């Protein structure tokens, strides 16, 4: 339903048009006069501008939600079933939680505990980890190392160790943490050069861009994309929503 102010503006413009139509033949519209009518009306009723801005923002938000949902559907297999993506929890779970993260992201570190709690408490949850290094060279180095750790069957142990590091990561500390996590460091360094891993991380970057993800962490649960840190209660709510088909 149109607002009273919008209706009043339409009426004012209609009156101007009728007045101009009373003489024959009808002269060309006086654009300057119309502009002045509109200007005067907006000065007297500035709330019309606020209303228009709110409507524009709502429309853009709705368009973004629709684009995101379409992108999630289009990329569902790459997002949840890529053969190289590390998976924790129930591999046949009824709900999949996907997390995009960076090992140097403080908010990602804080998100580890609620995700691990869910893995322990929800036997039907499947978690897909998406290494998404956005914070520089060391982040990329850590992502390569964590993906290489999967070849030794120690992805999750190494993931938790890297996320739990109190100090800022360096390439040297990443290798030190790998050794402490029980990884064969020499093999890890060789596997980090695997072209398949490098291509996978590049594909993940493209996937994130297509979904509109430009920072970490970001979570996808069902048909919902949530950028930024999320607490355990919110994650549980989203999982329940996904189970209801949302």
C-alpha atoms as a PDB file:
ATOM      1  CA  UNK A   1       0.000   0.000   0.000  1.00  0.00           C
ATOM      2  CA  UNK A   2       1.341   3.421  -0.947  1.00  0.00           C
ATOM      3  CA  UNK A   3       1.993   5.843   1.874  1.00  0.00           C
ATOM      4  CA  UNK A   4       0.046   9.070   2.339  1.00  0.00           C
ATOM      5  CA  UNK A   5       3.101  11.136   1.439  1.00  0.00           C
ATOM      6  CA  UNK A   6       3.658   9.189  -1.765  1.00  0.00           C
ATOM      7  CA  UNK A   7      -0.009   9.602  -2.699  1.00  0.00           C
ATOM      8  CA  UNK A   8       0.143  13.318  -1.991  1.00  0.00           C
ATOM      9  CA  UNK A   9       3.209  13.680  -4.209  1.00  0.00           C
ATOM     10  CA  UNK A  10       1.453  11.793  -7.014  1.00  0.00           C
ATOM     11  CA  UNK A  11      -1.581  14.068  -6.648  1.00  0.00           C
ATOM     12  CA  UNK A  12       0.565  17.196  -6.847  1.00  0.00           C
ATOM     13  CA  UNK A  13       2.212  15.994 -10.038  1.00  0.00           C
ATOM     14  CA  UNK A  14      -1.172  15.010 -11.497  1.00  0.00           C
ATOM     15  CA  UNK A  15      -2.567  18.494 -10.780  1.00  0.00           C
ATOM     16  CA  UNK A  16       0.402  20.044 -12.541  1.00  0.00           C
ATOM     17  CA  UNK A  17      -0.233  17.824 -15.560  1.00  0.00           C
ATOM     18  CA  UNK A  18      -3.971  18.674 -15.636  1.00  0.00           C
ATOM     19  CA  UNK A  19      -3.261  22.406 -15.410  1.00  0.00           C
ATOM     20  CA  UNK A  20      -0.875  22.147 -18.317  1.00  0.00           C
ATOM     21  CA  UNK A  21      -3.458  20.234 -20.357  1.00  0.00           C
ATOM     22  CA  UNK A  22      -6.199  22.914 -20.123  1.00  0.00           C
ATOM     23  CA  UNK A  23      -4.862  25.019 -22.991  1.00  0.00           C
ATOM     24  CA  UNK A  24      -5.034  23.770 -26.543  1.00  0.00           C
ATOM     25  CA  UNK A  25      -2.846  22.775 -28.215  1.00  0.00           C
ATOM     26  CA  UNK A  26      -1.051  21.244 -25.214  1.00  0.00           C
ATOM     27  CA  UNK A  27       2.424  22.756 -24.787  1.00  0.00           C
ATOM     28  CA  UNK A  28       5.458  20.586 -24.041  1.00  0.00           C
ATOM     29  CA  UNK A  29       5.810  19.713 -20.333  1.00  0.00           C
ATOM     30  CA  UNK A  30       7.619  22.381 -18.384  1.00  0.00           C
ATOM     31  CA  UNK A  31      10.336  20.230 -16.889  1.00  0.00           C
ATOM     32  CA  UNK A  32      11.696  23.032 -14.737  1.00  0.00           C
ATOM     33  CA  UNK A  33       8.260  23.673 -13.261  1.00  0.00           C
ATOM     34  CA  UNK A  34       7.782  19.998 -12.477  1.00  0.00           C
ATOM     35  CA  UNK A  35      11.233  19.849 -10.888  1.00  0.00           C
ATOM     36  CA  UNK A  36      10.377  22.835  -8.733  1.00  0.00           C
ATOM     37  CA  UNK A  37       7.093  21.260  -7.617  1.00  0.00           C
ATOM     38  CA  UNK A  38       8.904  18.061  -6.659  1.00  0.00           C
ATOM     39  CA  UNK A  39      11.680  19.982  -4.922  1.00  0.00           C
ATOM     40  CA  UNK A  40       9.256  22.062  -2.883  1.00  0.00           C
ATOM     41  CA  UNK A  41       7.254  18.991  -1.942  1.00  0.00           C
ATOM     42  CA  UNK A  42      10.355  17.070  -0.804  1.00  0.00           C
ATOM     43  CA  UNK A  43      11.534  20.050   1.232  1.00  0.00           C
ATOM     44  CA  UNK A  44       8.149  20.154   2.945  1.00  0.00           C
ATOM     45  CA  UNK A  45       7.987  16.348   3.341  1.00  0.00           C
ATOM     46  CA  UNK A  46      11.578  15.022   3.740  1.00  0.00           C
ATOM     47  CA  UNK A  47      10.188  11.810   5.230  1.00  0.00           C
ATOM     48  CA  UNK A  48       9.410  10.748   1.643  1.00  0.00           C
ATOM     49  CA  UNK A  49      13.155  10.492   0.996  1.00  0.00           C
ATOM     50  CA  UNK A  50      13.653   8.334   4.090  1.00  0.00           C
ATOM     51  CA  UNK A  51      10.790   6.126   2.980  1.00  0.00           C
ATOM     52  CA  UNK A  52      12.323   5.722  -0.476  1.00  0.00           C
ATOM     53  CA  UNK A  53      15.730   4.846   1.009  1.00  0.00           C
ATOM     54  CA  UNK A  54      14.194   2.211   3.264  1.00  0.00           C
ATOM     55  CA  UNK A  55      12.319   0.715   0.329  1.00  0.00           C
ATOM     56  CA  UNK A  56      15.510   0.630  -1.752  1.00  0.00           C
ATOM     57  CA  UNK A  57      17.466  -1.032   1.045  1.00  0.00           C
ATOM     58  CA  UNK A  58      14.752  -3.636   1.556  1.00  0.00           C
ATOM     59  CA  UNK A  59      14.679  -4.366  -2.168  1.00  0.00           C
ATOM     60  CA  UNK A  60      18.462  -4.737  -2.342  1.00  0.00           C
ATOM     61  CA  UNK A  61      18.471  -6.998   0.701  1.00  0.00           C
ATOM     62  CA  UNK A  62      15.755  -9.202  -0.801  1.00  0.00           C
ATOM     63  CA  UNK A  63      17.677  -9.361  -4.087  1.00  0.00           C
ATOM     64  CA  UNK A  64      20.871 -10.376  -2.230  1.00  0.00           C
ATOM     65  CA  UNK A  65      19.032 -13.107  -0.310  1.00  0.00           C
ATOM     66  CA  UNK A  66      17.641 -14.465  -3.576  1.00  0.00           C
ATOM     67  CA  UNK A  67      21.070 -14.380  -5.266  1.00  0.00           C
ATOM     68  CA  UNK A  68      22.668 -16.160  -2.300  1.00  0.00           C
ATOM     69  CA  UNK A  69      20.002 -18.846  -2.231  1.00  0.00           C
ATOM     70  CA  UNK A  70      20.422 -19.428  -5.983  1.00  0.00           C
ATOM     71  CA  UNK A  71      24.204 -19.639  -5.567  1.00  0.00           C
ATOM     72  CA  UNK A  72      23.831 -22.149  -2.716  1.00  0.00           C
ATOM     73  CA  UNK A  73      21.614 -24.362  -4.868  1.00  0.00           C
ATOM     74  CA  UNK A  74      23.899 -24.072  -7.897  1.00  0.00           C
ATOM     75  CA  UNK A  75      27.033 -24.917  -5.885  1.00  0.00           C
ATOM     76  CA  UNK A  76      25.555 -27.467  -3.472  1.00  0.00           C
ATOM     77  CA  UNK A  77      27.813 -30.341  -4.540  1.00  0.00           C
ATOM     78  CA  UNK A  78      31.033 -28.287  -4.454  1.00  0.00           C
ATOM     79  CA  UNK A  79      29.956 -26.849  -1.128  1.00  0.00           C
ATOM     80  CA  UNK A  80      28.947 -30.003   0.733  1.00  0.00           C
ATOM     81  CA  UNK A  81      30.215 -33.003  -1.248  1.00  0.00           C
ATOM     82  CA  UNK A  82      33.577 -32.070  -2.746  1.00  0.00           C
ATOM     83  CA  UNK A  83      35.743 -35.208  -2.471  1.00  0.00           C
ATOM     84  CA  UNK A  84      38.693 -33.231  -1.114  1.00  0.00           C
ATOM     85  CA  UNK A  85      36.826 -31.313   1.576  1.00  0.00           C
ATOM     86  CA  UNK A  86      37.677 -32.560   5.087  1.00  0.00           C
ATOM     87  CA  UNK A  87      34.600 -33.918   6.879  1.00  0.00           C
ATOM     88  CA  UNK A  88      34.021 -34.472  10.607  1.00  0.00           C
ATOM     89  CA  UNK A  89      31.118 -35.962  12.514  1.00  0.00           C
ATOM     90  CA  UNK A  90      28.602 -38.285  10.911  1.00  0.00           C
ATOM     91  CA  UNK A  91      29.482 -38.701   7.209  1.00  0.00           C
ATOM     92  CA  UNK A  92      25.842 -39.639   6.557  1.00  0.00           C
ATOM     93  CA  UNK A  93      24.363 -36.996   8.862  1.00  0.00           C
ATOM     94  CA  UNK A  94      21.014 -35.422   8.103  1.00  0.00           C
ATOM     95  CA  UNK A  95      22.365 -31.862   8.334  1.00  0.00           C
ATOM     96  CA  UNK A  96      25.632 -30.490   6.962  1.00  0.00           C
ATOM     97  CA  UNK A  97      27.338 -27.482   8.497  1.00  0.00           C
ATOM     98  CA  UNK A  98      29.998 -25.877   6.289  1.00  0.00           C
ATOM     99  CA  UNK A  99      32.520 -23.477   7.786  1.00  0.00           C
ATOM    100  CA  UNK A 100      34.825 -21.189   5.782  1.00  0.00           C
ATOM    101  CA  UNK A 101      37.740 -20.174   7.994  1.00  0.00           C
ATOM    102  CA  UNK A 102      41.251 -18.750   8.204  1.00  0.00           C
ATOM    103  CA  UNK A 103      43.761 -20.047  10.743  1.00  0.00           C
ATOM    104  CA  UNK A 104      44.792 -16.508  11.680  1.00  0.00           C
ATOM    105  CA  UNK A 105      41.249 -15.260  12.186  1.00  0.00           C
ATOM    106  CA  UNK A 106      40.487 -14.565  15.845  1.00  0.00           C
ATOM    107  CA  UNK A 107      36.748 -15.022  15.351  1.00  0.00           C
ATOM    108  CA  UNK A 108      37.390 -18.399  13.710  1.00  0.00           C
ATOM    109  CA  UNK A 109      39.387 -19.449  16.753  1.00  0.00           C
ATOM    110  CA  UNK A 110      36.449 -18.505  18.987  1.00  0.00           C
ATOM    111  CA  UNK A 111      34.062 -20.448  16.756  1.00  0.00           C
ATOM    112  CA  UNK A 112      35.999 -23.699  17.154  1.00  0.00           C
ATOM    113  CA  UNK A 113      34.609 -24.543  20.595  1.00  0.00           C
ATOM    114  CA  UNK A 114      30.890 -24.270  19.735  1.00  0.00           C
ATOM    115  CA  UNK A 115      31.401 -26.294  16.540  1.00  0.00           C
ATOM    116  CA  UNK A 116      33.311 -29.019  18.423  1.00  0.00           C
ATOM    117  CA  UNK A 117      30.609 -29.052  21.111  1.00  0.00           C
ATOM    118  CA  UNK A 118      28.005 -29.647  18.425  1.00  0.00           C
ATOM    119  CA  UNK A 119      30.057 -32.473  16.935  1.00  0.00           C
ATOM    120  CA  UNK A 120      30.107 -34.152  20.339  1.00  0.00           C
ATOM    121  CA  UNK A 121      26.444 -33.558  21.201  1.00  0.00           C
ATOM    122  CA  UNK A 122      24.736 -34.052  17.820  1.00  0.00           C
ATOM    123  CA  UNK A 123      25.266 -37.555  16.377  1.00  0.00           C
ATOM    124  CA  UNK A 124      23.505 -36.624  13.131  1.00  0.00           C
ATOM    125  CA  UNK A 125      25.642 -33.573  12.323  1.00  0.00           C
ATOM    126  CA  UNK A 126      28.084 -33.550   9.444  1.00  0.00           C
ATOM    127  CA  UNK A 127      30.711 -30.770   9.369  1.00  0.00           C
ATOM    128  CA  UNK A 128      32.601 -29.743   6.230  1.00  0.00           C
ATOM    129  CA  UNK A 129      35.731 -27.639   6.715  1.00  0.00           C
ATOM    130  CA  UNK A 130      36.602 -25.130   3.989  1.00  0.00           C
ATOM    131  CA  UNK A 131      40.098 -23.639   4.292  1.00  0.00           C
ATOM    132  CA  UNK A 132      39.670 -20.070   3.071  1.00  0.00           C
ATOM    133  CA  UNK A 133      42.944 -18.177   3.646  1.00  0.00           C
ATOM    134  CA  UNK A 134      42.290 -14.436   3.368  1.00  0.00           C
ATOM    135  CA  UNK A 135      44.794 -12.980   5.831  1.00  0.00           C
ATOM    136  CA  UNK A 136      48.058 -13.284   3.977  1.00  0.00           C
ATOM    137  CA  UNK A 137      50.854 -15.655   3.056  1.00  0.00           C
ATOM    138  CA  UNK A 138      51.050 -17.463   6.386  1.00  0.00           C
ATOM    139  CA  UNK A 139      47.315 -18.192   6.218  1.00  0.00           C
ATOM    140  CA  UNK A 140      47.844 -19.772   2.808  1.00  0.00           C
ATOM    141  CA  UNK A 141      50.804 -21.756   4.148  1.00  0.00           C
ATOM    142  CA  UNK A 142      48.693 -23.038   7.049  1.00  0.00           C
ATOM    143  CA  UNK A 143      45.854 -23.984   4.697  1.00  0.00           C
ATOM    144  CA  UNK A 144      48.237 -25.970   2.483  1.00  0.00           C
ATOM    145  CA  UNK A 145      49.616 -27.713   5.570  1.00  0.00           C
ATOM    146  CA  UNK A 146      46.188 -28.598   6.942  1.00  0.00           C
ATOM    147  CA  UNK A 147      45.026 -30.021   3.617  1.00  0.00           C
ATOM    148  CA  UNK A 148      48.259 -32.034   3.397  1.00  0.00           C
ATOM    149  CA  UNK A 149      47.620 -33.331   6.925  1.00  0.00           C
ATOM    150  CA  UNK A 150      44.479 -34.981   5.598  1.00  0.00           C
ATOM    151  CA  UNK A 151      46.691 -37.344   3.603  1.00  0.00           C
ATOM    152  CA  UNK A 152      48.027 -38.622   6.933  1.00  0.00           C
ATOM    153  CA  UNK A 153      44.562 -38.961   8.441  1.00  0.00           C
ATOM    154  CA  UNK A 154      45.184 -36.197  10.982  1.00  0.00           C
ATOM    155  CA  UNK A 155      43.255 -33.243   9.610  1.00  0.00           C
ATOM    156  CA  UNK A 156      41.043 -32.601  12.612  1.00  0.00           C
ATOM    157  CA  UNK A 157      43.852 -32.996  15.162  1.00  0.00           C
ATOM    158  CA  UNK A 158      46.009 -30.533  13.243  1.00  0.00           C
ATOM    159  CA  UNK A 159      43.067 -28.196  12.649  1.00  0.00           C
ATOM    160  CA  UNK A 160      42.340 -27.963  16.369  1.00  0.00           C
ATOM    161  CA  UNK A 161      46.031 -27.485  17.171  1.00  0.00           C
ATOM    162  CA  UNK A 162      46.402 -24.622  14.676  1.00  0.00           C
ATOM    163  CA  UNK A 163      43.206 -22.946  15.864  1.00  0.00           C
ATOM    164  CA  UNK A 164      44.360 -23.314  19.457  1.00  0.00           C
ATOM    165  CA  UNK A 165      47.703 -21.584  18.886  1.00  0.00           C
ATOM    166  CA  UNK A 166      47.903 -18.591  21.222  1.00  0.00           C
ATOM    167  CA  UNK A 167      50.597 -16.739  19.295  1.00  0.00           C
ATOM    168  CA  UNK A 168      50.404 -15.394  15.767  1.00  0.00           C
ATOM    169  CA  UNK A 169      51.320 -18.122  13.310  1.00  0.00           C
ATOM    170  CA  UNK A 170      54.509 -18.219  11.276  1.00  0.00           C
ATOM    171  CA  UNK A 171      55.586 -20.815   8.745  1.00  0.00           C
ATOM    172  CA  UNK A 172      58.021 -22.172  11.331  1.00  0.00           C
ATOM    173  CA  UNK A 173      55.383 -22.424  14.057  1.00  0.00           C
ATOM    174  CA  UNK A 174      52.969 -24.186  11.670  1.00  0.00           C
ATOM    175  CA  UNK A 175      55.584 -26.897  11.105  1.00  0.00           C
ATOM    176  CA  UNK A 176      56.337 -27.074  14.820  1.00  0.00           C
ATOM    177  CA  UNK A 177      52.626 -27.536  15.612  1.00  0.00           C
ATOM    178  CA  UNK A 178      52.451 -30.231  12.929  1.00  0.00           C
ATOM    179  CA  UNK A 179      55.211 -32.185  14.632  1.00  0.00           C
ATOM    180  CA  UNK A 180      53.504 -31.820  18.010  1.00  0.00           C
ATOM    181  CA  UNK A 181      50.272 -33.133  16.460  1.00  0.00           C
ATOM    182  CA  UNK A 182      52.076 -36.326  15.430  1.00  0.00           C
ATOM    183  CA  UNK A 183      52.448 -35.570  11.735  1.00  0.00           C
ATOM    184  CA  UNK A 184      55.392 -36.655   9.599  1.00  0.00           C
ATOM    185  CA  UNK A 185      56.689 -33.163   8.855  1.00  0.00           C
ATOM    186  CA  UNK A 186      58.898 -34.174   5.926  1.00  0.00           C
ATOM    187  CA  UNK A 187      55.988 -35.896   4.220  1.00  0.00           C
ATOM    188  CA  UNK A 188      53.724 -32.958   5.063  1.00  0.00           C
ATOM    189  CA  UNK A 189      56.076 -30.525   3.324  1.00  0.00           C
ATOM    190  CA  UNK A 190      56.168 -32.712   0.223  1.00  0.00           C
ATOM    191  CA  UNK A 191      52.394 -33.058   0.131  1.00  0.00           C
ATOM    192  CA  UNK A 192      51.913 -29.307   0.496  1.00  0.00           C
ATOM    193  CA  UNK A 193      53.294 -28.946  -3.040  1.00  0.00           C
ATOM    194  CA  UNK A 194      50.616 -31.275  -4.439  1.00  0.00           C
ATOM    195  CA  UNK A 195      48.993 -29.521  -7.419  1.00  0.00           C
ATOM    196  CA  UNK A 196      45.643 -31.082  -6.508  1.00  0.00           C
ATOM    197  CA  UNK A 197      45.662 -29.342  -3.109  1.00  0.00           C
ATOM    198  CA  UNK A 198      46.650 -26.015  -4.641  1.00  0.00           C
ATOM    199  CA  UNK A 199      43.858 -26.288  -7.228  1.00  0.00           C
ATOM    200  CA  UNK A 200      41.357 -27.217  -4.534  1.00  0.00           C
ATOM    201  CA  UNK A 201      42.179 -24.132  -2.475  1.00  0.00           C
ATOM    202  CA  UNK A 202      41.870 -21.962  -5.580  1.00  0.00           C
ATOM    203  CA  UNK A 203      38.477 -23.539  -6.301  1.00  0.00           C
ATOM    204  CA  UNK A 204      37.409 -22.794  -2.724  1.00  0.00           C
ATOM    205  CA  UNK A 205      38.347 -19.141  -3.221  1.00  0.00           C
ATOM    206  CA  UNK A 206      36.168 -18.981  -6.323  1.00  0.00           C
ATOM    207  CA  UNK A 207      33.322 -20.764  -4.549  1.00  0.00           C
ATOM    208  CA  UNK A 208      33.442 -18.278  -1.674  1.00  0.00           C
ATOM    209  CA  UNK A 209      33.336 -15.317  -4.073  1.00  0.00           C
ATOM    210  CA  UNK A 210      30.351 -16.779  -5.917  1.00  0.00           C
ATOM    211  CA  UNK A 211      28.517 -17.172  -2.618  1.00  0.00           C
ATOM    212  CA  UNK A 212      29.362 -13.587  -1.660  1.00  0.00           C
ATOM    213  CA  UNK A 213      31.709 -14.620   1.158  1.00  0.00           C
ATOM    214  CA  UNK A 214      34.557 -12.145   1.599  1.00  0.00           C
ATOM    215  CA  UNK A 215      35.602 -12.736   5.199  1.00  0.00           C
ATOM    216  CA  UNK A 216      35.864 -15.364   7.889  1.00  0.00           C
ATOM    217  CA  UNK A 217      34.277 -17.153   9.516  1.00  0.00           C
ATOM    218  CA  UNK A 218      31.238 -17.881   7.386  1.00  0.00           C
ATOM    219  CA  UNK A 219      28.788 -20.726   7.905  1.00  0.00           C
ATOM    220  CA  UNK A 220      26.394 -22.460   5.558  1.00  0.00           C
ATOM    221  CA  UNK A 221      23.684 -24.598   7.145  1.00  0.00           C
ATOM    222  CA  UNK A 222      20.949 -25.892   4.898  1.00  0.00           C
ATOM    223  CA  UNK A 223      19.788 -22.987   2.744  1.00  0.00           C
ATOM    224  CA  UNK A 224      21.200 -20.324   5.046  1.00  0.00           C
ATOM    225  CA  UNK A 225      24.488 -18.450   4.742  1.00  0.00           C
ATOM    226  CA  UNK A 226      25.639 -16.708   7.909  1.00  0.00           C
ATOM    227  CA  UNK A 227      28.704 -14.447   7.660  1.00  0.00           C
ATOM    228  CA  UNK A 228      30.663 -13.729  10.839  1.00  0.00           C
ATOM    229  CA  UNK A 229      31.044 -15.429  14.183  1.00  0.00           C
ATOM    230  CA  UNK A 230      28.023 -17.350  15.492  1.00  0.00           C
ATOM    231  CA  UNK A 231      27.547 -18.701  19.005  1.00  0.00           C
ATOM    232  CA  UNK A 232      26.500 -22.240  19.827  1.00  0.00           C
ATOM    233  CA  UNK A 233      22.864 -21.357  20.499  1.00  0.00           C
ATOM    234  CA  UNK A 234      22.477 -19.736  17.080  1.00  0.00           C
ATOM    235  CA  UNK A 235      24.154 -22.700  15.363  1.00  0.00           C
ATOM    236  CA  UNK A 236      21.744 -25.092  17.099  1.00  0.00           C
ATOM    237  CA  UNK A 237      18.825 -22.939  15.962  1.00  0.00           C
ATOM    238  CA  UNK A 238      20.036 -23.019  12.350  1.00  0.00           C
ATOM    239  CA  UNK A 239      20.566 -26.787  12.465  1.00  0.00           C
ATOM    240  CA  UNK A 240      17.046 -27.294  13.808  1.00  0.00           C
ATOM    241  CA  UNK A 241      15.715 -25.015  11.068  1.00  0.00           C
ATOM    242  CA  UNK A 242      17.551 -27.051   8.426  1.00  0.00           C
ATOM    243  CA  UNK A 243      16.043 -30.253   9.828  1.00  0.00           C
ATOM    244  CA  UNK A 244      12.605 -28.716   9.360  1.00  0.00           C
ATOM    245  CA  UNK A 245      13.486 -28.086   5.734  1.00  0.00           C
ATOM    246  CA  UNK A 246      14.426 -24.424   6.126  1.00  0.00           C
END
